[in-house]
Protein backbone atom coordinates (compact mmCIF):
# COMPACT_ATOMS: atom_id res chain seq x y z
CA MET A 1 -150.21 -14.62 68.23
CA MET A 2 -150.50 -14.50 72.00
CA LYS A 3 -148.75 -11.43 73.37
CA GLU A 4 -146.60 -11.19 76.44
CA ALA A 5 -147.05 -8.40 78.96
CA ARG A 6 -143.82 -6.42 79.19
CA MET A 7 -144.71 -5.34 82.72
CA SER A 8 -143.55 -8.15 85.01
CA ARG A 9 -146.15 -10.38 86.62
CA SER A 10 -143.70 -12.00 89.04
CA GLY A 11 -143.99 -9.27 91.68
CA ARG A 12 -147.78 -9.29 91.87
CA GLU A 13 -149.77 -11.55 94.14
CA ARG A 14 -152.53 -13.56 92.55
CA LYS A 15 -155.90 -13.24 94.22
CA ALA A 16 -158.32 -16.12 94.61
CA GLN A 17 -161.26 -13.69 94.45
CA LEU A 18 -161.30 -11.02 91.77
CA SER A 19 -162.69 -7.54 92.20
CA PRO A 20 -165.82 -6.59 90.21
CA ASP A 21 -163.68 -4.62 87.75
CA SER A 22 -161.38 -7.60 87.23
CA GLU A 23 -164.34 -9.94 86.77
CA ARG A 24 -165.79 -7.67 84.08
CA LEU A 25 -162.45 -7.45 82.30
CA VAL A 26 -162.09 -11.24 82.32
CA ALA A 27 -165.65 -11.71 81.04
CA SER A 28 -165.14 -9.15 78.25
CA ALA A 29 -161.79 -10.67 77.25
CA LEU A 30 -163.40 -14.12 77.05
CA GLY A 31 -166.19 -12.63 74.97
CA LEU A 32 -163.70 -11.07 72.56
CA ALA A 33 -161.65 -14.26 72.33
CA ASN A 34 -164.76 -16.25 71.41
CA SER A 35 -166.40 -13.63 69.19
CA GLY A 36 -168.06 -14.86 66.00
CA SER A 37 -168.05 -11.66 63.95
CA ARG A 38 -166.25 -8.37 63.42
CA LEU A 39 -169.32 -6.56 64.71
CA GLU A 40 -169.16 -8.52 67.96
CA ASP A 41 -165.39 -7.87 68.11
CA SER A 42 -166.10 -4.14 68.00
CA TYR A 43 -168.61 -4.42 70.86
CA TRP A 44 -166.21 -6.23 73.20
CA GLN A 45 -163.28 -3.99 72.23
CA GLN A 46 -165.23 -0.83 73.05
CA LEU A 47 -166.36 -2.32 76.36
CA LEU A 48 -162.81 -3.29 77.29
CA ALA A 49 -161.31 0.02 76.18
CA LYS A 50 -163.79 2.09 78.19
CA ARG A 51 -163.12 0.19 81.43
CA ILE A 52 -159.33 -0.04 80.94
CA GLU A 53 -159.01 3.66 80.12
CA HIS A 54 -160.97 4.56 83.27
CA LEU A 55 -158.75 2.34 85.44
CA LEU A 56 -155.57 3.77 83.91
CA ASP A 57 -156.71 7.40 84.11
CA THR A 58 -157.68 6.98 87.78
CA ASN A 59 -154.41 5.14 88.51
CA HIS A 60 -156.09 1.89 89.62
CA PRO A 61 -154.25 -0.71 87.50
CA GLN A 62 -154.40 -3.59 90.00
CA ALA A 63 -157.74 -4.77 88.62
CA ILE A 64 -156.10 -4.96 85.18
CA TYR A 65 -153.11 -6.93 86.49
CA ASP A 66 -155.38 -9.37 88.36
CA ALA A 67 -157.45 -9.94 85.21
CA LEU A 68 -154.28 -10.53 83.18
CA ASP A 69 -153.03 -13.05 85.73
CA ARG A 70 -156.37 -14.90 85.75
CA THR A 71 -156.69 -15.13 81.97
CA HIS A 72 -153.04 -16.13 81.65
CA LEU A 73 -153.77 -19.12 83.88
CA THR A 74 -157.13 -20.06 82.40
CA ASP A 75 -157.40 -18.95 78.75
CA LEU A 76 -154.37 -17.80 76.75
CA GLU A 77 -156.50 -16.56 73.85
CA ALA A 78 -158.44 -14.30 76.22
CA TYR A 79 -155.14 -13.20 77.78
CA GLY A 80 -153.85 -12.23 74.33
CA ALA A 81 -157.00 -10.22 73.62
CA LEU A 82 -156.81 -8.47 76.99
CA ILE A 83 -153.12 -7.57 76.95
CA GLU A 84 -153.46 -6.26 73.39
CA MET A 85 -156.23 -3.92 74.52
CA VAL A 86 -154.33 -2.81 77.65
CA GLU A 87 -151.28 -1.99 75.55
CA HIS A 88 -153.43 -0.10 73.06
CA CYS A 89 -155.02 2.01 75.79
CA ALA A 90 -151.60 2.82 77.26
CA GLU A 91 -149.89 3.82 74.00
CA ALA A 92 -152.81 5.56 72.21
CA VAL A 93 -155.09 8.39 73.34
CA VAL A 94 -157.75 10.51 71.65
CA VAL A 95 -157.79 14.20 72.60
CA GLU A 96 -159.81 17.23 71.54
CA TYR A 97 -157.77 20.18 70.31
CA GLU A 98 -159.07 23.38 68.73
CA GLY A 99 -162.49 21.84 68.17
CA GLN A 100 -161.19 18.69 66.45
CA TRP A 101 -160.57 15.15 67.70
CA TRP A 102 -157.01 13.87 67.29
CA GLN A 103 -155.52 10.40 67.72
CA CYS A 104 -152.09 10.29 69.37
CA LEU A 105 -149.75 7.30 69.33
CA LEU A 106 -146.62 6.76 71.44
CA VAL A 107 -143.85 5.54 69.13
CA SER A 108 -140.22 4.58 69.63
CA ALA A 109 -137.06 4.23 67.60
CA PRO A 110 -135.09 1.38 69.23
CA LEU A 111 -131.41 0.57 69.04
CA VAL A 112 -129.99 -2.82 69.97
CA ALA A 113 -126.39 -2.24 71.08
CA TRP A 114 -123.44 -4.33 72.23
CA THR A 115 -119.99 -3.37 73.51
CA ARG A 116 -117.05 -4.21 75.79
CA PHE A 117 -117.18 -0.74 77.30
CA GLY A 118 -120.44 1.11 78.04
CA ILE A 119 -123.64 1.84 76.13
CA ALA A 120 -124.68 5.48 75.97
CA SER A 121 -127.92 6.80 77.46
CA GLY A 122 -129.21 10.21 78.42
CA ARG A 123 -129.68 13.53 76.66
CA LEU A 124 -129.04 13.66 72.92
CA PRO A 125 -126.96 16.56 71.60
CA ALA A 126 -129.28 19.22 70.16
CA SER A 127 -127.96 18.97 66.59
CA ASN A 128 -128.26 15.17 66.53
CA ALA A 129 -131.76 15.27 68.07
CA SER A 130 -132.93 17.84 65.53
CA ALA A 131 -131.60 15.80 62.61
CA LEU A 132 -133.11 12.57 63.94
CA SER A 133 -136.51 14.23 64.38
CA ALA A 134 -136.42 15.55 60.82
CA HIS A 135 -135.44 12.17 59.32
CA TRP A 136 -138.06 10.35 61.44
CA GLN A 137 -140.78 12.64 60.09
CA ALA A 138 -139.52 12.48 56.51
CA HIS A 139 -139.06 8.73 56.22
CA CYS A 140 -141.43 7.05 58.70
CA LEU A 141 -144.51 9.25 59.19
CA ALA A 142 -147.54 10.07 57.05
CA HIS A 143 -147.84 13.55 55.57
CA GLN A 144 -149.35 16.40 57.58
CA VAL A 145 -149.11 14.66 60.97
CA ARG A 146 -147.83 16.44 64.06
CA PHE A 147 -144.81 15.08 65.86
CA CYS A 148 -142.92 15.52 69.12
CA MET A 149 -139.66 13.67 69.85
CA VAL A 150 -138.00 13.50 73.27
CA PRO A 151 -134.28 14.41 72.94
CA TRP A 152 -133.26 11.60 75.25
CA LEU A 153 -131.82 8.11 74.72
CA TYR A 154 -133.82 5.94 77.14
CA SER A 155 -132.55 2.75 78.71
CA ILE A 156 -134.98 0.03 79.79
CA ASP A 157 -134.62 1.23 83.40
CA GLN A 158 -135.85 4.71 82.44
CA LEU A 159 -139.01 3.74 80.57
CA PRO A 160 -142.39 4.10 82.34
CA ARG A 161 -142.78 1.32 84.88
CA ASP A 162 -146.52 0.66 84.56
CA PHE A 163 -149.44 1.21 82.22
CA PRO A 164 -150.94 4.33 83.92
CA GLU A 165 -147.57 6.08 83.77
CA LEU A 166 -147.21 5.12 80.12
CA ARG A 167 -150.67 6.47 79.23
CA LYS A 168 -149.86 9.72 81.03
CA LEU A 169 -146.65 10.07 78.98
CA THR A 170 -148.57 9.32 75.75
CA ARG A 171 -151.04 12.10 76.53
CA LYS A 172 -148.31 14.57 77.51
CA LEU A 173 -146.27 13.99 74.35
CA GLY A 174 -149.39 13.95 72.17
CA VAL A 175 -150.53 17.34 73.48
CA ALA A 176 -146.98 18.69 73.04
CA ALA A 177 -147.07 17.52 69.40
CA LEU A 178 -150.42 19.24 68.80
CA LYS A 179 -149.19 22.50 70.35
CA ALA A 180 -145.74 22.29 68.70
CA GLN A 181 -144.13 22.63 72.13
CA ASP A 182 -141.24 20.88 73.84
CA PRO A 183 -142.52 18.36 76.42
CA ARG A 184 -141.88 19.14 80.08
CA LEU A 185 -140.19 16.04 81.46
CA ASP A 186 -138.18 15.71 84.67
CA PHE A 187 -135.07 13.93 83.44
CA SER A 188 -133.40 14.38 86.83
CA ALA A 189 -135.84 11.87 88.31
CA PHE A 190 -134.75 9.11 85.91
CA PRO A 191 -132.91 6.18 87.53
CA GLU A 192 -129.35 5.38 86.59
CA THR A 193 -128.80 2.96 83.75
CA ALA A 194 -127.53 -0.52 84.61
CA GLU A 195 -124.22 -1.50 83.03
CA MET A 196 -124.79 -4.19 80.40
CA LEU A 197 -122.63 -5.63 77.63
CA ALA A 198 -125.68 -5.73 75.34
CA ASP A 199 -128.87 -3.76 75.81
CA SER A 200 -131.60 -1.76 74.10
CA ARG A 201 -131.96 2.00 73.87
CA PHE A 202 -135.07 3.92 72.83
CA ILE A 203 -135.90 7.34 71.45
CA LEU A 204 -139.53 8.11 72.34
CA ALA A 205 -141.94 10.36 70.46
CA ALA A 206 -145.64 10.95 69.86
CA VAL A 207 -147.34 11.32 66.50
CA ALA A 208 -150.80 12.92 66.16
CA ALA A 209 -153.29 13.02 63.30
CA PRO A 210 -156.98 13.84 62.95
CA LEU A 211 -159.11 10.89 64.03
CA GLY A 212 -159.25 8.23 61.31
CA GLN A 213 -156.31 9.52 59.25
CA ALA A 214 -152.98 7.79 58.64
CA LEU A 215 -150.21 8.23 61.20
CA LEU A 216 -147.35 6.25 59.65
CA ARG A 217 -145.89 6.45 56.18
CA TRP A 218 -146.62 2.85 55.22
CA GLN A 219 -150.31 3.49 56.00
CA ASP A 220 -150.49 6.36 53.49
CA ILE A 221 -151.07 4.14 50.44
CA GLU A 222 -152.54 6.93 48.28
CA ALA A 223 -149.45 9.13 48.61
CA SER A 224 -147.23 9.46 45.55
CA ASP A 225 -144.18 8.66 47.67
CA HIS A 226 -145.77 5.74 49.56
CA ALA A 227 -143.16 3.39 51.06
CA THR A 228 -143.40 -0.04 52.64
CA ARG A 229 -142.15 -0.84 56.14
CA VAL A 230 -138.96 -2.31 54.65
CA GLN A 231 -138.32 0.81 52.57
CA CYS A 232 -138.96 3.05 55.58
CA LEU A 233 -136.46 1.07 57.65
CA GLU A 234 -133.85 1.26 54.89
CA GLN A 235 -134.24 5.04 54.66
CA TRP A 236 -134.20 5.43 58.45
CA VAL A 237 -130.98 3.42 58.74
CA ALA A 238 -129.34 5.31 55.85
CA GLN A 239 -130.27 8.78 57.16
CA GLY A 240 -130.73 8.30 60.89
CA ARG A 241 -127.78 6.07 61.73
CA PRO A 242 -125.08 8.70 60.88
CA ASN A 243 -126.63 10.93 63.55
CA LEU A 244 -126.52 8.12 66.13
CA GLU A 245 -122.95 6.94 65.50
CA PRO A 246 -121.33 9.95 67.29
CA VAL A 247 -123.48 9.14 70.34
CA MET A 248 -122.90 5.37 70.35
CA VAL A 249 -119.11 5.56 70.61
CA GLY A 250 -117.41 2.19 71.15
CA CYS A 251 -120.61 0.25 70.40
CA GLY A 252 -121.94 -1.91 67.65
CA PHE A 253 -125.63 -1.25 67.17
CA GLU A 254 -128.61 -2.10 65.01
CA CYS A 255 -131.45 0.33 64.26
CA LEU A 256 -134.98 -1.07 64.34
CA LEU A 257 -137.94 0.44 62.50
CA PRO A 258 -139.58 3.35 64.38
CA ASP A 259 -143.03 2.01 65.29
CA ALA A 260 -145.57 1.77 68.11
CA PHE A 261 -144.15 1.53 71.64
CA HIS A 262 -145.15 -2.00 72.67
CA ILE A 263 -144.37 -3.83 69.44
CA ASN A 264 -140.90 -2.29 69.51
CA LEU A 265 -140.43 -3.17 73.15
CA ARG A 266 -141.03 -6.83 72.34
CA GLU A 267 -138.95 -6.75 69.16
CA SER A 268 -135.98 -5.19 70.95
CA ASP A 269 -136.24 -7.84 73.69
CA ARG A 270 -136.14 -10.51 71.00
CA ARG A 271 -133.27 -9.02 69.02
CA VAL A 272 -130.99 -8.25 71.98
CA ARG A 273 -130.72 -11.89 73.13
CA PRO A 274 -128.12 -13.19 70.63
CA TYR A 275 -126.16 -9.94 70.94
CA ALA A 276 -125.99 -10.46 74.71
CA LEU A 277 -124.36 -13.85 74.14
CA ARG A 278 -121.99 -12.40 71.56
CA ALA A 279 -120.96 -9.51 73.82
CA ALA A 280 -120.35 -11.79 76.82
CA VAL A 281 -118.19 -14.24 74.85
CA HIS A 282 -116.19 -11.46 73.18
CA TYR A 283 -115.69 -9.64 76.48
CA LEU A 284 -114.39 -12.78 78.23
CA SER A 285 -112.15 -13.70 75.30
CA HIS A 286 -110.55 -10.26 75.42
CA ALA A 287 -110.39 -9.84 79.21
CA LEU A 288 -108.91 -13.31 79.82
CA SER A 289 -106.81 -13.39 76.60
CA ILE A 290 -108.28 -16.74 75.59
CA GLU A 291 -110.14 -18.21 72.63
CA ALA A 292 -113.89 -18.78 72.75
CA LYS A 293 -113.38 -22.54 72.50
CA GLN A 294 -111.74 -22.47 75.94
CA LEU A 295 -114.98 -21.28 77.57
CA ARG A 296 -117.67 -23.53 79.01
CA ALA A 297 -121.35 -22.69 78.85
CA ASN A 298 -123.74 -24.06 81.47
CA ILE A 299 -127.42 -23.66 80.61
CA ALA A 300 -130.38 -24.08 82.98
CA ALA A 301 -134.12 -23.36 82.75
CA PHE A 302 -135.89 -21.12 85.26
CA GLY A 303 -139.50 -20.19 85.94
CA GLN A 304 -142.31 -20.15 88.47
CA ASP A 305 -145.59 -21.30 86.92
CA ARG A 306 -143.89 -22.12 83.61
CA LEU A 307 -140.57 -21.88 81.79
CA ASP A 308 -139.81 -18.14 81.84
CA GLU A 309 -136.14 -17.97 80.88
CA TYR A 310 -132.85 -19.72 80.35
CA ARG A 311 -129.71 -18.56 82.12
CA ILE A 312 -126.29 -19.21 80.65
CA GLY A 313 -123.25 -19.23 82.92
CA LEU A 314 -119.92 -18.81 81.09
CA SER A 315 -116.87 -20.22 82.89
CA PHE A 316 -113.15 -20.67 82.39
CA ASN A 317 -110.93 -23.08 84.37
CA SER A 318 -113.45 -23.64 87.16
CA GLU A 319 -116.52 -25.81 87.67
CA GLU A 320 -117.61 -23.78 90.70
CA GLU A 321 -117.25 -20.23 89.36
CA VAL A 322 -119.10 -18.27 86.66
CA SER A 323 -117.26 -15.39 84.97
CA GLN A 324 -120.17 -13.94 82.99
CA GLY A 325 -123.88 -14.68 82.80
CA VAL A 326 -126.59 -14.10 80.21
CA VAL A 327 -130.38 -14.27 80.65
CA TRP A 328 -132.36 -15.50 77.61
CA PRO A 329 -136.04 -14.71 78.34
CA MET A 330 -138.93 -16.59 76.75
CA LEU A 331 -141.12 -14.12 74.87
CA GLY A 332 -144.77 -14.27 73.87
CA ALA A 333 -145.90 -17.71 72.76
CA GLU A 334 -142.38 -19.20 72.57
CA SER A 335 -142.05 -22.75 73.87
CA GLU A 336 -139.82 -25.79 73.61
CA ALA A 337 -142.20 -27.09 70.93
CA ASP A 338 -140.88 -24.45 68.50
CA ASP A 339 -138.58 -25.47 65.65
CA PRO A 340 -135.87 -24.62 66.42
CA SER A 341 -136.60 -24.47 70.14
CA PRO A 342 -135.23 -21.59 72.24
CA LEU A 343 -132.67 -24.00 73.74
CA GLU A 344 -131.52 -25.06 70.29
CA GLN A 345 -131.23 -21.40 69.29
CA ILE A 346 -128.99 -20.72 72.29
CA LYS A 347 -126.77 -23.69 71.50
CA GLN A 348 -126.57 -22.70 67.84
CA HIS A 349 -125.51 -19.14 68.69
CA LEU A 350 -122.85 -20.44 71.11
CA HIS A 351 -121.46 -22.79 68.46
CA GLU A 352 -121.30 -19.91 65.95
CA LEU A 353 -119.34 -17.90 68.51
CA GLY A 354 -116.85 -20.76 68.96
CA VAL A 355 -118.13 -22.09 72.32
CA THR A 356 -118.46 -25.85 71.90
CA ASN A 357 -118.24 -27.05 75.52
CA ILE A 358 -121.95 -26.75 76.41
CA ARG A 359 -123.75 -28.43 79.29
CA VAL A 360 -127.53 -28.30 79.77
CA HIS A 361 -128.69 -28.96 83.33
CA PRO A 362 -132.02 -30.80 83.66
CA GLY A 363 -135.20 -29.50 85.27
CA CYS A 364 -136.69 -26.05 85.75
CA SER A 365 -135.91 -24.13 88.94
CA GLU A 366 -137.34 -21.00 90.50
CA PRO A 367 -135.13 -18.04 89.52
CA GLU A 368 -132.75 -16.81 92.24
CA PHE A 369 -131.12 -13.41 92.66
CA CYS A 370 -128.29 -11.97 94.74
CA ASP A 371 -129.58 -10.69 98.10
CA ASP A 372 -127.11 -7.79 98.06
CA CYS A 373 -127.22 -6.40 94.51
CA GLY A 374 -130.29 -8.09 92.99
CA SER A 375 -128.33 -9.57 90.06
CA PRO A 376 -129.47 -12.92 88.62
CA LEU A 377 -127.55 -16.01 89.75
CA TYR A 378 -126.24 -18.29 87.00
CA PRO A 379 -125.61 -22.05 86.76
CA ASN A 380 -122.05 -23.30 87.20
CA GLY A 381 -120.58 -26.60 86.07
CA GLU A 382 -121.99 -28.41 89.10
CA GLY A 383 -125.53 -27.20 88.51
CA GLU A 384 -125.53 -24.72 91.39
CA VAL A 385 -126.55 -21.08 90.89
CA VAL A 386 -123.84 -18.57 91.78
CA HIS A 387 -122.95 -14.91 91.33
CA ALA A 388 -121.03 -14.07 88.14
CA GLU A 389 -117.55 -12.86 89.14
CA MET A 390 -114.59 -12.13 86.89
CA PRO A 391 -111.27 -13.77 87.91
CA GLU A 392 -109.06 -11.49 89.99
CA ASP A 393 -106.23 -11.52 87.44
CA SER A 394 -108.47 -10.57 84.48
CA GLU A 395 -108.25 -7.24 82.66
CA PRO A 396 -110.51 -4.71 84.42
CA ASN A 397 -113.62 -3.43 82.69
CA PRO A 398 -112.57 -0.23 80.86
CA GLY A 399 -115.91 1.40 81.76
CA HIS A 400 -117.70 4.05 79.75
CA PHE A 401 -116.21 5.65 76.68
CA HIS A 402 -118.60 8.60 77.18
């Protein structure tokens, strides 16, 4: 399946002429996409990894971004091969420690949360962090690996912003795991978390094992207590969730399987979308003291080179105003050719929530944002994009419980 780069491409300029590094990356990605054997796969993968790792370690990622942009426009299979290798190089490092080579993987334990109040982020209480670390090791990791968990509940805004920064964090946490030390991270430099009715949170960690050995419990098939991914998730939810509930006060939340960083980033993006709709409808119903069937949903498509997202403007009593808005991003290889299509999924979720007055505006427009606060603008009943504003006589947002 073609993968989608989590790092945004919209802010980067596309170059007509590629640098030599970008040209080599494109050529290698095309070679890998068209490979005829596993042996040839290995050749192209090693070539790509060596160049990508050098560019990331020297903090010169622009050549990587330019190559991703070019392959995304010209060959989606090559793009998928390239982004997969870039993600691998950012979330996995090999280091030498005490005369032995170790493989280190950046992993995350995501939560998808929804609320009418505020979703927690920040430092985890020591007792909860210690218990979560112990359960993570017991239920999701292979035996005899080394592990280092960051005692912090990350929001999307606080995750590394680019691939070099991510690779640096992977190495730092991996070395901390090998040395059984607490990682030195500057939490004071983290940005504030945006207020959202539904959002993802992440606990980050690194797991290290001798090169070639199993890292995760479901890999350890020879172990007497081998468990599948499903069994690991069940045990993580049963044992880990009670230590998260005191932190996630006033929230509903779902625990996802602790796994590699990028696959969990995409999975949390996918899983949060219906919860964002649910949270917006429930918040409006409560704040305005109305039933969901009294709301109107206006849906419009947005994108630059392609359909990138749908935006849903929820209104009550006004064609011109939008009370709440939800962005439904297109992920990976999703398209309107899917069955059901993303648009049909949105409409189905709205119907299940009790919103039956749904209008879909035609066309696909370039996404617009508020000049003052940067928030997305949402379609109203007349097809114009406006800022989401709650009515003046509505119940005020109660704010954080924390």
